C-alpha atoms as a PDB file:
ATOM      1  CA  MET A   1       0.000   0.000   0.000  1.00  0.00           C
ATOM      2  CA  ILE A   2       2.771   2.418   0.900  1.00  0.00           C
ATOM      3  CA  SER A   3       4.557   1.895  -2.419  1.00  0.00           C
ATOM      4  CA  PHE A   4       1.308   2.558  -4.304  1.00  0.00           C
ATOM      5  CA  PHE A   5      -0.296   5.367  -2.256  1.00  0.00           C
ATOM      6  CA  GLY A   6       2.704   6.888  -0.468  1.00  0.00           C
ATOM      7  CA  THR A   7       3.386   6.894   3.258  1.00  0.00           C
ATOM      8  CA  GLN A   8       1.220   9.860   4.221  1.00  0.00           C
ATOM      9  CA  SER A   9      -1.865   8.358   2.548  1.00  0.00           C
ATOM     10  CA  VAL A  10      -1.768   5.178   4.611  1.00  0.00           C
ATOM     11  CA  GLY A  11      -3.088   4.737   8.145  1.00  0.00           C
ATOM     12  CA  VAL A  12      -3.154   1.806  10.522  1.00  0.00           C
ATOM     13  CA  LYS A  13      -5.753   1.037  13.191  1.00  0.00           C
ATOM     14  CA  LEU A  14      -4.525  -0.841  16.251  1.00  0.00           C
ATOM     15  CA  CYS A  15      -6.655  -2.300  19.050  1.00  0.00           C
ATOM     16  CA  PRO A  16      -4.050  -3.339  21.627  1.00  0.00           C
ATOM     17  CA  SER A  17      -6.564  -4.185  24.341  1.00  0.00           C
ATOM     18  CA  ASP A  18      -9.055  -5.948  22.073  1.00  0.00           C
ATOM     19  CA  ASP A  19     -10.495  -9.060  23.643  1.00  0.00           C
ATOM     20  CA  TYR A  20     -12.936 -10.149  20.934  1.00  0.00           C
ATOM     21  CA  ASN A  21     -12.870 -13.713  19.674  1.00  0.00           C
ATOM     22  CA  ASP A  22     -10.701 -14.899  22.558  1.00  0.00           C
ATOM     23  CA  SER A  23      -7.873 -12.586  21.494  1.00  0.00           C
ATOM     24  CA  ALA A  24      -7.168 -11.124  24.947  1.00  0.00           C
ATOM     25  CA  ALA A  25      -3.557 -10.972  26.055  1.00  0.00           C
ATOM     26  CA  SER A  26      -1.837 -10.081  29.313  1.00  0.00           C
ATOM     27  CA  PHE A  27      -0.829  -6.482  29.958  1.00  0.00           C
ATOM     28  CA  LYS A  28       2.836  -7.485  29.647  1.00  0.00           C
ATOM     29  CA  GLU A  29       2.224  -9.174  26.290  1.00  0.00           C
ATOM     30  CA  ILE A  30       0.136  -6.228  25.018  1.00  0.00           C
ATOM     31  CA  THR A  31       2.888  -3.816  26.016  1.00  0.00           C
ATOM     32  CA  GLU A  32       5.730  -5.784  24.415  1.00  0.00           C
ATOM     33  CA  THR A  33       3.793  -6.638  21.256  1.00  0.00           C
ATOM     34  CA  TYR A  34       2.412  -3.180  20.544  1.00  0.00           C
ATOM     35  CA  ILE A  35       5.619  -1.319  21.324  1.00  0.00           C
ATOM     36  CA  TYR A  36       7.206  -3.512  18.655  1.00  0.00           C
ATOM     37  CA  TYR A  37       4.305  -3.032  16.194  1.00  0.00           C
ATOM     38  CA  ILE A  38       4.189   0.728  16.677  1.00  0.00           C
ATOM     39  CA  ASN A  39       7.957   1.092  16.266  1.00  0.00           C
ATOM     40  CA  GLN A  40       7.805  -0.925  13.032  1.00  0.00           C
ATOM     41  CA  ILE A  41       4.896   1.146  11.712  1.00  0.00           C
ATOM     42  CA  MET A  42       6.561   4.425  12.736  1.00  0.00           C
ATOM     43  CA  ALA A  43       9.691   3.429  10.799  1.00  0.00           C
ATOM     44  CA  ARG A  44       7.488   3.516   7.689  1.00  0.00           C
ATOM     45  CA  GLU A  45       6.240   7.071   8.456  1.00  0.00           C
ATOM     46  CA  VAL A  46       2.570   6.324   7.754  1.00  0.00           C
ATOM     47  CA  GLY A  47       0.026   9.152   7.804  1.00  0.00           C
ATOM     48  CA  PHE A  48      -1.700   8.126  11.027  1.00  0.00           C
ATOM     49  CA  ILE A  49      -2.029   5.416  13.629  1.00  0.00           C
ATOM     50  CA  ASN A  50      -5.497   5.016  15.117  1.00  0.00           C
ATOM     51  CA  LEU A  51      -5.420   3.623  18.665  1.00  0.00           C
ATOM     52  CA  SER A  52      -8.729   1.978  19.521  1.00  0.00           C
ATOM     53  CA  GLY A  53      -9.592   1.210  23.120  1.00  0.00           C
ATOM     54  CA  ARG A  54     -11.989  -1.602  22.379  1.00  0.00           C
ATOM     55  CA  GLY A  55     -11.684  -4.188  25.140  1.00  0.00           C
ATOM     56  CA  CYS A  56     -10.347  -1.736  27.740  1.00  0.00           C
ATOM     57  CA  ASP A  57     -13.242  -2.317  30.145  1.00  0.00           C
ATOM     58  CA  VAL A  58     -13.833   1.428  30.311  1.00  0.00           C
ATOM     59  CA  SER A  59     -17.019   3.400  30.028  1.00  0.00           C
ATOM     60  CA  ARG A  60     -17.212   6.924  28.684  1.00  0.00           C
ATOM     61  CA  GLU A  61     -20.175   9.178  29.187  1.00  0.00           C
ATOM     62  CA  GLY A  62     -22.322   9.677  26.091  1.00  0.00           C
ATOM     63  CA  THR A  63     -21.534   6.400  24.381  1.00  0.00           C
ATOM     64  CA  ASP A  64     -23.964   3.664  23.435  1.00  0.00           C
ATOM     65  CA  GLU A  65     -24.457   0.259  25.030  1.00  0.00           C
ATOM     66  CA  TYR A  66     -22.109  -1.315  22.478  1.00  0.00           C
ATOM     67  CA  PHE A  67     -19.210   0.363  24.259  1.00  0.00           C
ATOM     68  CA  LYS A  68     -20.274  -0.426  27.812  1.00  0.00           C
ATOM     69  CA  PRO A  69     -17.611  -1.957  30.026  1.00  0.00           C
ATOM     70  CA  SER A  70     -17.134  -5.669  29.758  1.00  0.00           C
ATOM     71  CA  PRO A  71     -14.716  -7.327  32.151  1.00  0.00           C
ATOM     72  CA  ARG A  72     -11.686  -8.958  30.587  1.00  0.00           C
ATOM     73  CA  PRO A  73     -10.958 -12.659  31.188  1.00  0.00           C
ATOM     74  CA  GLU A  74      -9.573 -13.572  34.606  1.00  0.00           C
ATOM     75  CA  GLY A  75      -5.805 -13.233  34.713  1.00  0.00           C
ATOM     76  CA  LEU A  76      -5.764 -10.873  31.707  1.00  0.00           C
ATOM     77  CA  GLU A  77      -7.088  -7.778  33.452  1.00  0.00           C
ATOM     78  CA  LEU A  78      -5.599  -4.402  32.558  1.00  0.00           C
ATOM     79  CA  PRO A  79      -4.345  -1.917  35.172  1.00  0.00           C
ATOM     80  CA  VAL A  80      -7.214  -0.195  36.997  1.00  0.00           C
ATOM     81  CA  VAL A  81      -6.507   3.161  35.344  1.00  0.00           C
ATOM     82  CA  TYR A  82      -5.598   2.021  31.840  1.00  0.00           C
ATOM     83  CA  GLU A  83      -5.210   4.663  29.156  1.00  0.00           C
ATOM     84  CA  LEU A  84      -3.992   3.667  25.682  1.00  0.00           C
ATOM     85  CA  VAL A  85      -2.823   7.160  24.783  1.00  0.00           C
ATOM     86  CA  GLN A  86      -0.701   7.352  27.928  1.00  0.00           C
ATOM     87  CA  GLN A  87       0.772   3.927  27.261  1.00  0.00           C
ATOM     88  CA  PHE A  88       1.472   4.204  23.527  1.00  0.00           C
ATOM     89  CA  GLY A  89       0.833   7.812  22.460  1.00  0.00           C
ATOM     90  CA  GLY A  90       4.388   8.986  23.083  1.00  0.00           C
ATOM     91  CA  LEU A  91       5.665   6.430  20.582  1.00  0.00           C
ATOM     92  CA  ILE A  92       3.526   8.098  17.898  1.00  0.00           C
ATOM     93  CA  LYS A  93       3.092  11.767  18.781  1.00  0.00           C
ATOM     94  CA  TYR A  94       6.329  13.594  19.522  1.00  0.00           C
ATOM     95  CA  PRO A  95       8.117  16.646  18.085  1.00  0.00           C
ATOM     96  CA  GLY A  96       9.118  15.928  14.495  1.00  0.00           C
ATOM     97  CA  SER A  97       6.878  12.879  14.078  1.00  0.00           C
ATOM     98  CA  LYS A  98       5.461  12.551  10.571  1.00  0.00           C
ATOM     99  CA  THR A  99       2.663  10.283  11.819  1.00  0.00           C
ATOM    100  CA  MET A 100      -0.541  11.643  13.343  1.00  0.00           C
ATOM    101  CA  LEU A 101      -2.123  10.044  16.413  1.00  0.00           C
ATOM    102  CA  MET A 102      -5.810   9.270  16.020  1.00  0.00           C
ATOM    103  CA  VAL A 103      -8.260   7.885  18.580  1.00  0.00           C
ATOM    104  CA  ASN A 104     -11.802   6.539  18.302  1.00  0.00           C
ATOM    105  CA  HIS A 105     -15.256   7.068  19.709  1.00  0.00           C
ATOM    106  CA  GLU A 106     -14.025   6.545  23.267  1.00  0.00           C
ATOM    107  CA  TYR A 107     -13.025  10.204  23.142  1.00  0.00           C
ATOM    108  CA  SER A 108     -16.288  11.634  21.757  1.00  0.00           C
ATOM    109  CA  VAL A 109     -17.049  13.646  24.880  1.00  0.00           C
ATOM    110  CA  GLU A 110     -13.588  15.143  25.254  1.00  0.00           C
ATOM    111  CA  ALA A 111     -12.678  15.260  21.533  1.00  0.00           C
ATOM    112  CA  GLU A 112     -12.322  19.022  21.316  1.00  0.00           C
ATOM    113  CA  ARG A 113     -10.171  19.182  24.438  1.00  0.00           C
ATOM    114  CA  VAL A 114      -7.755  16.377  23.518  1.00  0.00           C
ATOM    115  CA  VAL A 115      -7.180  17.864  20.057  1.00  0.00           C
ATOM    116  CA  ARG A 116      -6.895  21.454  21.337  1.00  0.00           C
ATOM    117  CA  GLU A 117      -4.413  20.394  24.042  1.00  0.00           C
ATOM    118  CA  GLY A 118      -2.342  18.448  21.504  1.00  0.00           C
ATOM    119  CA  VAL A 119      -2.883  15.079  23.184  1.00  0.00           C
ATOM    120  CA  VAL A 120      -4.010  13.638  19.826  1.00  0.00           C
ATOM    121  CA  ASP A 121      -4.242  14.930  16.264  1.00  0.00           C
ATOM    122  CA  LEU A 122      -7.535  13.374  15.137  1.00  0.00           C
ATOM    123  CA  VAL A 123     -10.673  11.846  16.669  1.00  0.00           C
ATOM    124  CA  ALA A 124     -12.844   9.444  14.659  1.00  0.00           C
ATOM    125  CA  PHE A 125     -16.473   9.270  15.721  1.00  0.00           C
ATOM    126  CA  GLY A 126     -17.609   6.207  13.735  1.00  0.00           C
ATOM    127  CA  ARG A 127     -20.714   4.703  15.331  1.00  0.00           C
ATOM    128  CA  PRO A 128     -21.726   7.891  17.206  1.00  0.00           C
ATOM    129  CA  PHE A 129     -21.844   9.620  13.812  1.00  0.00           C
ATOM    130  CA  ILE A 130     -24.468   7.099  12.650  1.00  0.00           C
ATOM    131  CA  TYR A 131     -26.850   7.761  15.530  1.00  0.00           C
ATOM    132  CA  ASN A 132     -26.096  11.488  15.549  1.00  0.00           C
ATOM    133  CA  PRO A 133     -26.728  12.479  11.913  1.00  0.00           C
ATOM    134  CA  ASP A 134     -26.246  16.087  13.018  1.00  0.00           C
ATOM    135  CA  LEU A 135     -22.907  15.349  14.700  1.00  0.00           C
ATOM    136  CA  VAL A 136     -21.047  18.209  13.010  1.00  0.00           C
ATOM    137  CA  SER A 137     -23.693  20.720  14.100  1.00  0.00           C
ATOM    138  CA  ARG A 138     -23.741  19.278  17.631  1.00  0.00           C
ATOM    139  CA  VAL A 139     -19.959  19.568  17.980  1.00  0.00           C
ATOM    140  CA  ARG A 140     -19.888  23.040  16.444  1.00  0.00           C
ATOM    141  CA  ASN A 141     -22.628  24.287  18.804  1.00  0.00           C
ATOM    142  CA  GLY A 142     -21.550  22.444  21.947  1.00  0.00           C
ATOM    143  CA  ILE A 143     -24.659  20.240  22.005  1.00  0.00           C
ATOM    144  CA  PRO A 144     -23.978  16.941  23.839  1.00  0.00           C
ATOM    145  CA  LEU A 145     -24.031  13.686  21.904  1.00  0.00           C
ATOM    146  CA  PRO A 146     -26.777  11.361  23.103  1.00  0.00           C
ATOM    147  CA  GLY A 147     -26.159   7.660  23.267  1.00  0.00           C
ATOM    148  CA  ASN A 148     -27.744   4.970  21.162  1.00  0.00           C
ATOM    149  CA  ASP A 149     -31.010   4.068  22.878  1.00  0.00           C
ATOM    150  CA  ARG A 150     -31.964   1.468  20.276  1.00  0.00           C
ATOM    151  CA  GLY A 151     -29.928  -1.414  21.581  1.00  0.00           C
ATOM    152  CA  GLU A 152     -26.378  -2.628  21.479  1.00  0.00           C
ATOM    153  CA  ARG A 153     -25.928  -2.524  17.738  1.00  0.00           C
ATOM    154  CA  VAL A 154     -26.671  -0.107  14.963  1.00  0.00           C
ATOM    155  CA  ASN A 155     -29.116  -2.148  12.959  1.00  0.00           C
ATOM    156  CA  TYR A 156     -28.695  -2.836   9.286  1.00  0.00           C
ATOM    157  CA  GLY A 157     -31.187  -5.102   7.678  1.00  0.00           C
ATOM    158  CA  SER A 158     -34.448  -5.422   5.857  1.00  0.00           C
ATOM    159  CA  TYR A 159     -36.838  -2.940   7.425  1.00  0.00           C
ATOM    160  CA  GLU A 160     -39.864  -1.115   6.038  1.00  0.00           C
ATOM    161  CA  THR A 161     -37.711   1.659   4.580  1.00  0.00           C
ATOM    162  CA  VAL A 162     -34.030   1.878   3.715  1.00  0.00           C
ATOM    163  CA  ASP A 163     -33.609   4.692   6.275  1.00  0.00           C
ATOM    164  CA  GLU A 164     -35.088   2.804   9.230  1.00  0.00           C
ATOM    165  CA  TYR A 165     -32.500   2.490  12.020  1.00  0.00           C
ATOM    166  CA  TYR A 166     -29.959   4.278   9.859  1.00  0.00           C
ATOM    167  CA  ASN A 167     -31.073   7.775   8.836  1.00  0.00           C
ATOM    168  CA  ASP A 168     -34.099   8.143  11.113  1.00  0.00           C
ATOM    169  CA  TRP A 169     -32.276   9.184  14.288  1.00  0.00           C
ATOM    170  CA  PRO A 170     -33.534  12.344  16.042  1.00  0.00           C
ATOM    171  CA  ARG A 171     -31.727  15.607  15.436  1.00  0.00           C
ATOM    172  CA  ALA A 172     -30.910  18.180  18.113  1.00  0.00           C
ATOM    173  CA  VAL A 173     -33.224  21.119  18.534  1.00  0.00           C
ATOM    174  CA  ALA A 174     -31.235  24.272  19.283  1.00  0.00           C
END
């Protein structure tokens, strides 16, 4: 991809704490593995690295049920105050780095602050964008993002209309 698109047009998403499909690892193994991965990726000067906190057993205000805390397997717990950006961010974002640090939906509530303070370069909203079709207006006007009250998953499927559960989410009233 890099040889075709160029380094600054390529990004990599990493989920160090992911525990889906029995993929959980110990904190020591996560640390060793992802320090190695990040150093290898940084050597290639990609455009961005997206650190996703899926599997961190954290809850952030304003998120939907999909992102509620779920305890990790016994013996593979993370430190009580686990923060991906604190653990790995310095390997990506430092003076002179050509790679931007991006985070996911876990930072929806504090997105403006973490970008303004230079903690990260980019915040991806992903799922919250789907159930907040007016997300840009909400962020611009300081209107809080509500959570997904329609269940754990954003539903795609055969409904009465193509927009049902996709484009029929309520918009903020200023």
